Protein backbone atom coordinates (compact mmCIF):
# COMPACT_ATOMS: atom_id res chain seq x y z
CA UNK A 1 285.87 180.05 151.93
CA UNK A 2 288.12 180.33 155.05
CA UNK A 3 288.51 183.69 156.71
CA UNK A 4 292.19 183.48 155.61
CA UNK A 5 291.09 183.11 151.91
CA UNK A 6 288.61 185.89 152.33
CA UNK A 7 291.25 188.11 153.70
CA UNK A 8 293.68 187.24 150.66
CA UNK A 9 290.99 188.07 148.23
CA UNK A 10 290.26 191.45 149.79
CA UNK A 11 293.96 192.37 149.90
CA UNK A 12 294.36 191.22 146.22
CA UNK A 13 291.20 193.25 145.20
CA UNK A 14 292.73 196.37 147.22
CA UNK A 15 296.07 196.20 145.29
CA UNK A 16 294.28 195.85 141.93
CA UNK A 17 292.18 198.93 142.60
CA UNK A 18 295.15 200.99 143.93
CA UNK A 19 297.34 200.00 141.03
CA UNK A 20 294.46 201.08 138.68
CA UNK A 21 294.10 204.47 140.40
CA UNK A 22 297.77 205.03 140.46
CA UNK A 23 298.23 204.01 136.58
CA UNK A 24 295.18 206.72 136.08
CA UNK A 25 296.99 209.39 138.06
CA UNK A 26 300.40 208.68 136.32
CA UNK A 27 298.66 208.87 132.90
CA UNK A 28 297.00 212.23 133.59
CA UNK A 29 300.56 213.63 135.02
CA UNK A 30 302.42 212.52 131.88
CA UNK A 31 299.87 214.09 129.73
CA UNK A 32 301.10 217.42 130.25
CA UNK A 33 297.50 218.68 131.06
CA UNK A 34 298.38 220.13 134.36
CA UNK A 35 302.05 221.63 135.13
CA UNK A 36 304.45 219.23 136.74
CA UNK A 37 304.80 221.17 139.76
CA UNK A 38 301.29 221.01 140.42
CA UNK A 39 300.80 217.03 139.59
CA UNK A 40 304.24 215.42 140.13
CA UNK A 41 304.78 212.04 138.75
CA UNK A 42 304.63 209.03 140.84
CA UNK A 43 308.64 208.46 140.76
CA UNK A 44 308.88 211.95 141.94
CA UNK A 45 306.45 211.55 144.69
CA UNK A 46 308.24 208.05 145.81
CA UNK A 47 311.48 210.03 145.57
CA UNK A 48 310.19 212.78 147.77
CA UNK A 49 308.77 210.11 150.31
CA UNK A 50 311.87 208.10 150.53
CA UNK A 51 313.97 211.38 151.16
CA UNK A 52 311.68 212.30 153.89
CA UNK A 53 311.59 208.89 155.47
CA UNK A 54 315.47 208.82 155.23
CA UNK A 55 316.16 212.19 157.04
CA UNK A 56 313.19 211.57 159.54
CA UNK A 57 311.05 214.51 158.38
CA UNK A 58 307.98 212.12 157.63
CA UNK A 59 308.26 210.17 160.70
CA UNK A 60 308.26 213.51 162.63
CA UNK A 61 305.28 215.01 161.04
CA UNK A 62 303.48 211.60 160.91
CA UNK A 63 303.92 211.11 164.76
CA UNK A 64 302.81 214.79 165.41
CA UNK A 65 299.65 214.51 163.17
CA UNK A 66 298.85 211.19 164.48
CA UNK A 67 298.74 212.55 168.03
CA UNK A 68 296.60 215.53 167.08
CA UNK A 69 294.14 213.20 165.04
CA UNK A 70 293.84 210.48 167.73
CA UNK A 71 293.51 212.98 170.43
CA UNK A 72 290.57 214.62 168.68
CA UNK A 73 289.06 211.35 167.60
CA UNK A 74 288.89 210.08 171.11
CA UNK A 75 287.52 213.30 172.33
CA UNK A 76 284.80 212.98 169.71
CA UNK A 77 283.78 209.39 170.35
CA UNK A 78 284.04 210.23 174.02
CA UNK A 79 281.55 212.99 173.60
CA UNK A 80 279.65 212.04 170.72
CA UNK A 81 278.72 208.47 171.71
CA UNK A 82 277.01 208.98 175.32
CA UNK A 83 275.47 212.24 174.09
CA UNK A 84 273.92 210.36 170.89
CA UNK A 85 272.56 207.76 173.29
CA UNK A 86 271.26 210.08 175.62
CA UNK A 87 269.35 212.01 173.11
CA UNK A 88 267.86 209.09 171.53
CA UNK A 89 266.94 207.63 174.91
CA UNK A 90 265.44 210.93 176.60
CA UNK A 91 263.44 213.41 174.75
CA UNK A 92 264.17 216.50 176.87
CA UNK A 93 267.95 215.69 176.15
CA UNK A 94 267.14 215.50 172.32
CA UNK A 95 264.87 218.60 172.73
CA UNK A 96 267.68 220.64 174.11
CA UNK A 97 270.70 219.50 171.88
CA UNK A 98 268.91 218.85 168.63
CA UNK A 99 268.68 222.45 167.57
CA UNK A 100 272.33 223.16 168.55
CA UNK A 101 273.58 220.21 166.62
CA UNK A 102 271.60 221.03 163.57
CA UNK A 103 272.90 224.61 163.50
CA UNK A 104 276.52 223.58 164.13
CA UNK A 105 276.79 220.70 162.04
CA UNK A 106 276.74 222.39 158.57
CA UNK A 107 279.58 224.74 159.44
CA UNK A 108 282.95 223.28 157.96
CA UNK A 109 285.66 222.89 160.34
CA UNK A 110 288.08 224.84 158.13
CA UNK A 111 286.09 227.86 158.58
CA UNK A 112 286.46 227.78 162.28
CA UNK A 113 290.45 227.75 162.10
CA UNK A 114 290.84 231.49 162.15
CA UNK A 115 288.71 231.83 165.02
CA UNK A 116 290.17 228.98 166.99
CA UNK A 117 293.55 230.61 166.45
CA UNK A 118 292.53 233.74 167.85
CA UNK A 119 290.89 232.08 170.95
CA UNK A 120 293.88 229.47 171.73
CA UNK A 121 297.04 230.62 169.42
CA UNK A 122 298.86 228.34 166.94
CA UNK A 123 299.63 225.08 168.37
CA UNK A 124 298.30 221.68 169.11
CA UNK A 125 295.46 222.96 171.19
CA UNK A 126 293.96 224.67 168.15
CA UNK A 127 294.37 221.67 165.83
CA UNK A 128 292.98 219.15 168.50
CA UNK A 129 290.04 221.30 168.83
CA UNK A 130 289.46 221.72 164.92
CA UNK A 131 289.60 217.66 164.73
CA UNK A 132 287.37 217.23 167.61
CA UNK A 133 284.84 219.56 166.22
CA UNK A 134 284.76 217.89 162.79
CA UNK A 135 284.50 214.51 164.15
CA UNK A 136 282.03 214.82 167.07
CA UNK A 137 279.09 215.50 164.77
CA UNK A 138 279.15 212.29 162.59
CA UNK A 139 279.90 210.24 165.62
CA UNK A 140 276.92 211.96 167.63
CA UNK A 141 274.31 211.81 164.70
CA UNK A 142 274.96 208.33 163.82
CA UNK A 143 274.84 206.93 167.27
CA UNK A 144 271.45 209.02 167.59
CA UNK A 145 270.06 207.59 164.56
CA UNK A 146 271.11 204.23 165.51
CA UNK A 147 269.42 204.00 169.10
CA UNK A 148 266.38 205.55 167.77
CA UNK A 149 266.17 203.22 164.81
CA UNK A 150 265.96 200.21 167.53
CA UNK A 151 262.83 198.28 166.72
CA UNK A 152 260.35 199.12 169.68
CA UNK A 153 258.91 195.78 169.63
CA UNK A 154 262.12 194.24 170.86
CA UNK A 155 262.39 196.86 173.60
CA UNK A 156 258.75 195.99 174.93
CA UNK A 157 259.40 192.21 174.28
CA UNK A 158 262.66 192.57 176.64
CA UNK A 159 260.79 194.79 179.06
CA UNK A 160 257.93 192.27 179.47
CA UNK A 161 260.87 189.43 179.98
CA UNK A 162 261.75 191.55 182.88
CA UNK A 163 265.07 193.28 181.65
CA UNK A 164 265.86 196.55 183.38
CA UNK A 165 267.08 199.72 181.98
CA UNK A 166 270.56 198.39 182.29
CA UNK A 167 270.14 195.05 180.84
CA UNK A 168 268.05 196.65 177.85
CA UNK A 169 270.98 198.86 177.07
CA UNK A 170 273.28 196.30 177.14
CA UNK A 171 271.49 193.31 175.44
CA UNK A 172 269.27 195.38 173.14
CA UNK A 173 270.05 198.66 172.26
CA UNK A 174 273.85 198.66 171.78
CA UNK A 175 273.75 195.42 169.82
CA UNK A 176 270.97 196.76 167.55
CA UNK A 177 272.43 200.41 167.21
CA UNK A 178 276.25 199.29 166.86
CA UNK A 179 276.17 199.27 162.83
CA UNK A 180 275.20 202.97 163.05
CA UNK A 181 278.04 203.48 165.88
CA UNK A 182 280.67 201.73 163.96
CA UNK A 183 279.77 203.84 160.72
CA UNK A 184 279.92 206.90 162.92
CA UNK A 185 283.27 206.11 164.08
CA UNK A 186 284.44 205.66 160.65
CA UNK A 187 282.84 208.54 159.19
CA UNK A 188 284.51 210.57 162.41
CA UNK A 189 287.79 209.25 161.73
CA UNK A 190 287.68 210.21 158.19
CA UNK A 191 286.95 213.88 159.16
CA UNK A 192 289.73 213.99 161.48
CA UNK A 193 292.38 214.61 158.58
CA UNK A 194 291.17 218.01 158.02
CA UNK A 195 294.62 220.03 158.65
CA UNK A 196 297.45 220.61 156.09
CA UNK A 197 300.67 222.73 157.03
CA UNK A 198 299.98 226.16 154.54
CA UNK A 199 303.86 226.37 154.28
CA UNK A 200 303.64 223.08 151.99
CA UNK A 201 301.15 224.54 149.73
CA UNK A 202 303.12 224.93 146.90
CA UNK A 203 305.54 221.94 147.65
CA UNK A 204 303.11 219.57 145.61
CA UNK A 205 305.37 216.48 146.08
CA UNK A 206 305.56 216.93 149.69
CA UNK A 207 301.81 217.32 149.79
CA UNK A 208 301.20 214.00 147.81
CA UNK A 209 303.79 212.06 149.75
CA UNK A 210 302.04 213.14 152.99
CA UNK A 211 298.85 211.81 151.21
CA UNK A 212 300.28 208.67 150.53
CA UNK A 213 301.07 208.19 154.00
CA UNK A 214 297.51 209.35 155.33
CA UNK A 215 296.20 206.66 152.88
CA UNK A 216 298.38 203.81 154.26
CA UNK A 217 297.41 204.90 157.81
CA UNK A 218 293.82 205.18 157.09
CA UNK A 219 293.67 201.64 155.21
CA UNK A 220 295.59 200.13 157.89
CA UNK A 221 293.47 201.60 160.95
CA UNK A 222 290.12 200.71 158.76
CA UNK A 223 291.34 197.10 158.45
CA UNK A 224 292.94 196.35 161.52
CA UNK A 225 290.95 198.51 164.03
CA UNK A 226 287.31 198.86 162.54
CA UNK A 227 287.64 195.46 160.61
CA UNK A 228 288.58 193.75 164.27
CA UNK A 229 285.62 195.51 165.92
CA UNK A 230 283.08 194.41 163.32
CA UNK A 231 284.36 190.88 163.73
CA UNK A 232 284.51 190.90 167.38
CA UNK A 233 280.85 192.39 167.14
CA UNK A 234 279.68 189.76 164.69
CA UNK A 235 281.07 186.66 166.96
CA UNK A 236 279.32 188.41 170.18
CA UNK A 237 275.91 189.32 168.85
CA UNK A 238 275.63 187.18 165.75
CA UNK A 239 274.96 189.99 163.42
CA UNK A 240 275.01 188.90 159.82
CA UNK A 241 276.57 192.21 158.40
CA UNK A 242 277.78 195.37 159.64
CA UNK A 243 277.02 198.81 158.00
CA UNK A 244 280.21 200.22 155.96
CA UNK A 245 281.17 203.89 156.58
């Protein structure tokens, strides 16, 4: 099957899955088991989304959220990727940072919001730092695990053939660890979406409309960005299958 055919089938499967999920949600909403204010119907959500798009509210909030998410995500990748590699390659670095990572990683990012607000105030900085905190650990831990999992025989063989540390890193370590790295990026990106505006707590239709937009952005990012990275990696290094996040 051609690449275009596989892409078409993937899109069809995604549409079917989303349609089934929407149908189940609508059935539960209409069942009356939950108050309508807590579980609005799909037409209500669509109307709210349309109104927010029409008056520019959704675009304004989306652009602000994307700025915070992408800023925090890039910071997390910028720190987690090199630190994970260093921890895996150098034992003193691992011995120093691993206890700290093990202690901080279980702490939910939400629990730090009040503390960060006291330290940095209410604004973009606090949100970006919370996103950064939430995304750094999956990026770091997956990178560390991936580099550690590289077969030692490959490293010895490459060294015996005269590969220096730079070539070893570029030709062996990164290609072998990349499935873990891309998984870490996926998990980090998912954990970036941790902040919701408290003033919308009782406006469930607004929250659901925002969730729809986040879902669309996440789906597009997964297919266009991470999917493209995977395809480029397969073409370059000949991997049969990349790990899924």
